[in-house]
Amino acid sequence: MKLSKRTKIKINTLLCQIIRSKLEKYKPETVYMPFHHRLLGKDRYAMFSFIQSLNTTFGMSIWEQVAVILAKGANNYAERQYKLLGEIDEETGKVINEIHYKLRKGEITADKMSEVEQIRMGIKKGQAKVDPDSTVDLFVKVEDTENYFDITSAKPNMKEFVALKLKLLRWTALRMSQDKNAKVFTRLAIPYNPYHPEPYERWTLKGLYDLERGEILVGEEFWNFVASDNIYEELLDVFQEVGEELRNEIDKRFAEFRKREEIK
């Protein structure tokens, strides 16, 4: 199965709405930045500032919304900003911290199945409470496996990798505190590989994540996973089509900024 026409239209519509809304509401920064403005020109800096604002939007919502559209197009259940309620008992908390500590120290190597079973064996039934780690960027259920994703930046630093691993372990425990037999798989998603065509090699903490079992999915792996098919190139084509569709509108908007600066 490839991307259906309906799925393509939904993604196209989403991207067009977001970009047009950004263009309509966007105002170049009024902050006085003499060095940037003299070097780049205010009009170019306005474009740069707009792109930076759009990058933030990608991180905050576009990736999640596109992933949900793809997953639902493949008849998978999907939800963004999913609230994972639960309660981690004290003993399970200690087990999680011990796993995390040993991984950081390099005393053990990541083994996702082993980590999940250690949590499953000791977890106690808890109340469905909101936890500091309750918000999941993306929840996708494929057949009987519940996949909980944190969609992170393209180049997480060492501290972020460490913190995210702990979050994934806690998500497993939160879910199992409600259903010990749930098939849970917590993952990191990195929307694109900034090192393409070379492999993604930002594994500053080798052994922390179980890469062989897909605890981290990068770019093509992630998008194909949520869509349950090899749709990555088609997805890129949709983004390109939207870019071509909106190019004149974007150019016109920034031509307006340029004229304002010339009048000044």
Protein backbone atom coordinates (compact mmCIF):
# COMPACT_ATOMS: atom_id res chain seq x y z
CA MET A 1 0.00 0.00 0.00
CA LYS A 2 1.30 3.46 -0.97
CA LEU A 3 0.01 6.83 0.17
CA SER A 4 -3.64 7.14 -0.73
CA LYS A 5 -4.94 10.23 -2.49
CA ARG A 6 -6.95 11.04 0.62
CA THR A 7 -3.88 10.89 2.85
CA LYS A 8 -1.89 13.10 0.47
CA ILE A 9 -4.70 15.67 0.40
CA LYS A 10 -4.88 15.73 4.20
CA ILE A 11 -1.14 16.34 4.54
CA ASN A 12 -1.21 18.96 1.77
CA THR A 13 -4.12 20.76 3.44
CA LEU A 14 -2.45 20.68 6.85
CA LEU A 15 0.84 22.12 5.54
CA CYS A 16 -0.88 24.81 3.47
CA GLN A 17 -3.00 25.91 6.43
CA ILE A 18 -0.01 26.13 8.76
CA ILE A 19 2.25 28.02 6.32
CA ARG A 20 -0.49 30.44 5.25
CA SER A 21 -1.40 31.12 8.86
CA LYS A 22 2.26 31.80 9.64
CA LEU A 23 2.58 34.15 6.66
CA GLU A 24 -0.57 36.04 7.60
CA LYS A 25 0.38 36.54 11.24
CA TYR A 26 4.12 36.92 10.85
CA LYS A 27 5.70 40.29 11.55
CA PRO A 28 9.45 40.81 11.23
CA GLU A 29 11.15 41.26 14.56
CA THR A 30 11.30 44.88 15.66
CA VAL A 31 14.37 44.22 17.80
CA TYR A 32 17.27 46.46 16.80
CA MET A 33 20.03 44.17 15.52
CA PRO A 34 22.43 46.50 13.72
CA PHE A 35 25.13 43.95 12.92
CA HIS A 36 22.70 41.35 11.53
CA HIS A 37 20.73 43.93 9.59
CA ARG A 38 23.83 45.58 8.08
CA LEU A 39 25.37 42.24 7.18
CA LEU A 40 22.30 40.44 5.82
CA GLY A 41 19.80 43.20 5.13
CA LYS A 42 16.55 43.51 7.05
CA ASP A 43 14.56 41.72 4.34
CA ARG A 44 16.88 38.69 4.37
CA TYR A 45 16.90 38.66 8.13
CA ALA A 46 13.09 38.73 8.10
CA MET A 47 13.12 35.61 5.92
CA PHE A 48 15.63 33.95 8.25
CA SER A 49 13.49 34.83 11.27
CA PHE A 50 10.39 33.43 9.56
CA ILE A 51 12.17 30.15 8.79
CA GLN A 52 13.33 29.90 12.41
CA SER A 53 9.74 30.41 13.54
CA LEU A 54 8.60 27.70 11.12
CA ASN A 55 11.27 25.31 12.44
CA THR A 56 9.77 25.73 15.90
CA THR A 57 6.33 24.89 14.50
CA PHE A 58 7.73 21.72 12.90
CA GLY A 59 9.05 20.63 16.28
CA MET A 60 5.93 21.54 18.19
CA SER A 61 3.18 20.20 15.97
CA ILE A 62 3.79 19.50 12.27
CA TRP A 63 5.71 16.24 12.77
CA GLU A 64 3.07 14.94 15.18
CA GLN A 65 0.11 15.88 12.97
CA VAL A 66 1.64 14.40 9.82
CA ALA A 67 2.46 11.19 11.70
CA VAL A 68 -1.14 10.88 12.90
CA ILE A 69 -2.46 11.34 9.35
CA LEU A 70 -0.09 8.66 8.04
CA ALA A 71 -0.91 6.20 10.82
CA LYS A 72 -4.67 6.62 10.41
CA GLY A 73 -4.27 6.26 6.65
CA ALA A 74 -2.85 2.79 7.37
CA ASN A 75 -5.79 2.00 9.68
CA ASN A 76 -3.62 2.26 12.79
CA TYR A 77 -4.93 4.04 15.87
CA ALA A 78 -2.98 7.24 16.46
CA GLU A 79 -3.15 10.22 18.75
CA ARG A 80 -0.82 13.16 19.41
CA GLN A 81 -0.16 14.75 22.81
CA TYR A 82 -1.50 11.55 24.36
CA LYS A 83 -1.96 11.51 28.14
CA LEU A 84 -0.36 8.35 29.55
CA LEU A 85 -1.80 8.07 33.04
CA GLY A 86 -0.46 5.79 35.75
CA GLU A 87 1.47 5.53 38.99
CA ILE A 88 4.96 4.14 39.55
CA ASP A 89 5.44 2.43 42.91
CA GLU A 90 8.60 3.02 44.91
CA GLU A 91 10.22 -0.36 44.20
CA THR A 92 9.66 -0.10 40.45
CA GLY A 93 11.07 3.41 40.57
CA LYS A 94 14.24 1.95 42.09
CA VAL A 95 14.42 -0.72 39.37
CA ILE A 96 14.13 1.97 36.68
CA ASN A 97 16.79 4.13 38.29
CA GLU A 98 19.14 1.16 38.59
CA ILE A 99 18.69 0.22 34.92
CA HIS A 100 19.26 3.82 33.92
CA TYR A 101 22.34 4.19 36.12
CA LYS A 102 23.97 1.00 34.82
CA LEU A 103 23.28 2.01 31.21
CA ARG A 104 24.87 5.40 31.76
CA LYS A 105 27.91 3.84 33.41
CA GLY A 106 28.25 1.29 30.64
CA GLU A 107 27.88 -1.59 33.09
CA ILE A 108 25.13 -3.05 30.91
CA THR A 109 24.11 -2.66 27.26
CA ALA A 110 20.58 -1.68 26.27
CA ASP A 111 18.23 -4.64 25.87
CA LYS A 112 14.72 -3.33 25.38
CA MET A 113 12.95 -6.63 25.99
CA SER A 114 14.88 -7.27 29.20
CA GLU A 115 14.16 -3.75 30.48
CA VAL A 116 10.45 -4.12 29.75
CA GLU A 117 10.26 -7.50 31.50
CA GLN A 118 12.11 -6.24 34.58
CA ILE A 119 9.53 -3.48 34.90
CA ARG A 120 6.64 -5.84 34.21
CA MET A 121 7.76 -8.31 36.88
CA GLY A 122 7.75 -5.79 39.71
CA ILE A 123 5.19 -3.16 38.81
CA LYS A 124 2.23 -2.79 41.15
CA LYS A 125 -1.25 -1.70 40.20
CA GLY A 126 -1.52 2.06 40.53
CA GLN A 127 -4.03 4.81 40.14
CA ALA A 128 -4.54 6.53 36.78
CA LYS A 129 -2.74 9.71 37.82
CA VAL A 130 -1.14 12.48 35.81
CA ASP A 131 2.64 12.18 36.03
CA PRO A 132 5.32 14.75 35.10
CA ASP A 133 6.11 12.41 32.17
CA SER A 134 2.48 11.76 31.20
CA THR A 135 2.47 13.64 27.88
CA VAL A 136 3.46 11.47 24.92
CA ASP A 137 4.17 13.27 21.64
CA LEU A 138 2.73 10.45 19.56
CA PHE A 139 0.85 7.25 20.38
CA VAL A 140 0.43 4.70 17.59
CA LYS A 141 -1.11 1.27 18.05
CA VAL A 142 0.00 -1.21 15.40
CA GLU A 143 -1.94 -4.46 15.71
CA ASP A 144 -1.64 -5.26 19.44
CA THR A 145 1.54 -3.27 20.18
CA GLU A 146 1.26 0.15 21.80
CA ASN A 147 4.02 2.45 20.56
CA TYR A 148 4.77 5.58 22.56
CA PHE A 149 7.01 8.13 20.80
CA ASP A 150 8.96 11.10 21.97
CA ILE A 151 9.68 13.08 18.80
CA THR A 152 12.96 14.83 19.45
CA SER A 153 15.29 17.20 17.63
CA ALA A 154 17.67 16.02 14.92
CA LYS A 155 20.74 16.40 17.11
CA PRO A 156 20.03 15.75 20.80
CA ASN A 157 23.01 16.35 23.05
CA MET A 158 24.32 13.90 25.62
CA LYS A 159 22.19 15.20 28.49
CA GLU A 160 19.06 15.03 26.35
CA PHE A 161 19.78 11.44 25.30
CA VAL A 162 20.20 10.46 28.97
CA ALA A 163 17.01 12.23 30.09
CA LEU A 164 14.97 10.79 27.22
CA LYS A 165 16.02 7.24 28.04
CA LEU A 166 14.74 7.68 31.58
CA LYS A 167 11.46 9.05 30.22
CA LEU A 168 11.00 5.98 28.00
CA LEU A 169 11.55 3.65 30.96
CA ARG A 170 9.03 5.61 33.02
CA TRP A 171 6.45 5.51 30.22
CA THR A 172 6.71 1.72 30.19
CA ALA A 173 6.06 1.62 33.93
CA LEU A 174 3.18 4.08 33.82
CA ARG A 175 1.36 2.01 31.21
CA MET A 176 2.00 -1.29 32.97
CA SER A 177 0.73 0.13 36.25
CA GLN A 178 -2.66 0.11 34.54
CA ASP A 179 -2.31 -3.09 32.56
CA LYS A 180 0.59 -5.40 33.39
CA ASN A 181 0.03 -7.45 30.24
CA ALA A 182 0.00 -4.54 27.79
CA LYS A 183 2.40 -4.85 24.83
CA VAL A 184 4.33 -1.64 25.31
CA PHE A 185 7.18 -0.28 23.20
CA THR A 186 8.51 3.20 23.99
CA ARG A 187 10.65 4.88 21.34
CA LEU A 188 12.46 8.01 20.24
CA ALA A 189 11.69 9.41 16.80
CA ILE A 190 14.05 11.73 14.92
CA PRO A 191 12.13 13.13 11.92
CA TYR A 192 15.09 13.36 9.53
CA ASN A 193 18.72 12.37 9.26
CA PRO A 194 20.84 15.55 9.11
CA TYR A 195 23.85 13.48 8.03
CA HIS A 196 22.18 12.05 4.91
CA PRO A 197 23.37 10.25 2.81
CA GLU A 198 25.63 8.99 5.59
CA PRO A 199 24.03 6.93 8.39
CA TYR A 200 22.82 8.73 11.49
CA GLU A 201 25.80 8.52 13.82
CA ARG A 202 25.02 10.82 16.72
CA TRP A 203 25.24 7.95 19.17
CA THR A 204 27.26 9.78 21.79
CA LEU A 205 26.03 7.19 24.26
CA LYS A 206 26.41 3.81 22.57
CA GLY A 207 24.71 1.08 24.52
CA LEU A 208 22.10 3.41 26.05
CA TYR A 209 19.44 2.57 23.46
CA ASP A 210 18.55 -0.73 21.83
CA LEU A 211 19.12 0.31 18.23
CA GLU A 212 18.70 -3.19 16.79
CA ARG A 213 15.13 -3.39 18.08
CA GLY A 214 14.23 0.11 16.86
CA GLU A 215 14.15 1.98 20.15
CA ILE A 216 15.24 4.97 18.05
CA LEU A 217 13.74 5.45 14.59
CA VAL A 218 15.36 8.04 12.33
CA GLY A 219 13.84 9.72 9.29
CA GLU A 220 12.70 7.14 6.75
CA GLU A 221 12.47 4.40 9.42
CA PHE A 222 10.08 6.51 11.50
CA TRP A 223 7.76 7.64 8.71
CA ASN A 224 7.56 4.19 7.15
CA PHE A 225 6.84 2.69 10.57
CA VAL A 226 3.86 4.92 11.40
CA ALA A 227 2.48 4.46 7.87
CA SER A 228 3.11 0.68 7.92
CA ASP A 229 4.64 0.91 4.42
CA ASN A 230 7.52 2.37 2.43
CA ILE A 231 6.06 5.82 1.83
CA TYR A 232 9.01 8.08 2.68
CA GLU A 233 9.82 9.32 -0.83
CA GLU A 234 6.13 9.97 -1.51
CA LEU A 235 5.91 11.96 1.71
CA LEU A 236 8.86 14.12 0.64
CA ASP A 237 7.11 14.67 -2.70
CA VAL A 238 4.01 15.98 -0.90
CA PHE A 239 6.16 18.50 1.00
CA GLN A 240 7.79 19.57 -2.27
CA GLU A 241 4.42 19.99 -3.98
CA VAL A 242 3.22 22.24 -1.15
CA GLY A 243 6.43 24.27 -1.37
CA GLU A 244 5.88 24.82 -5.09
CA GLU A 245 2.22 25.67 -4.53
CA LEU A 246 3.04 28.31 -1.92
CA ARG A 247 6.25 29.73 -3.44
CA ASN A 248 4.57 32.74 -5.06
CA GLU A 249 2.65 33.58 -1.88
CA ILE A 250 5.83 33.42 0.19
CA ASP A 251 7.78 35.53 -2.32
CA LYS A 252 4.99 38.10 -2.43
CA ARG A 253 4.88 38.40 1.36
CA PHE A 254 8.61 38.98 1.63
CA ALA A 255 8.55 41.41 -1.27
CA GLU A 256 6.21 43.46 0.92
CA PHE A 257 8.81 43.47 3.71
CA ARG A 258 11.46 44.57 1.20
CA LYS A 259 9.34 47.50 -0.03
CA ARG A 260 8.74 48.68 3.52
CA GLU A 261 12.46 48.78 4.17
CA GLU A 262 13.10 50.68 0.92
CA ILE A 263 10.49 53.29 1.88
CA LYS A 264 12.18 53.75 5.26
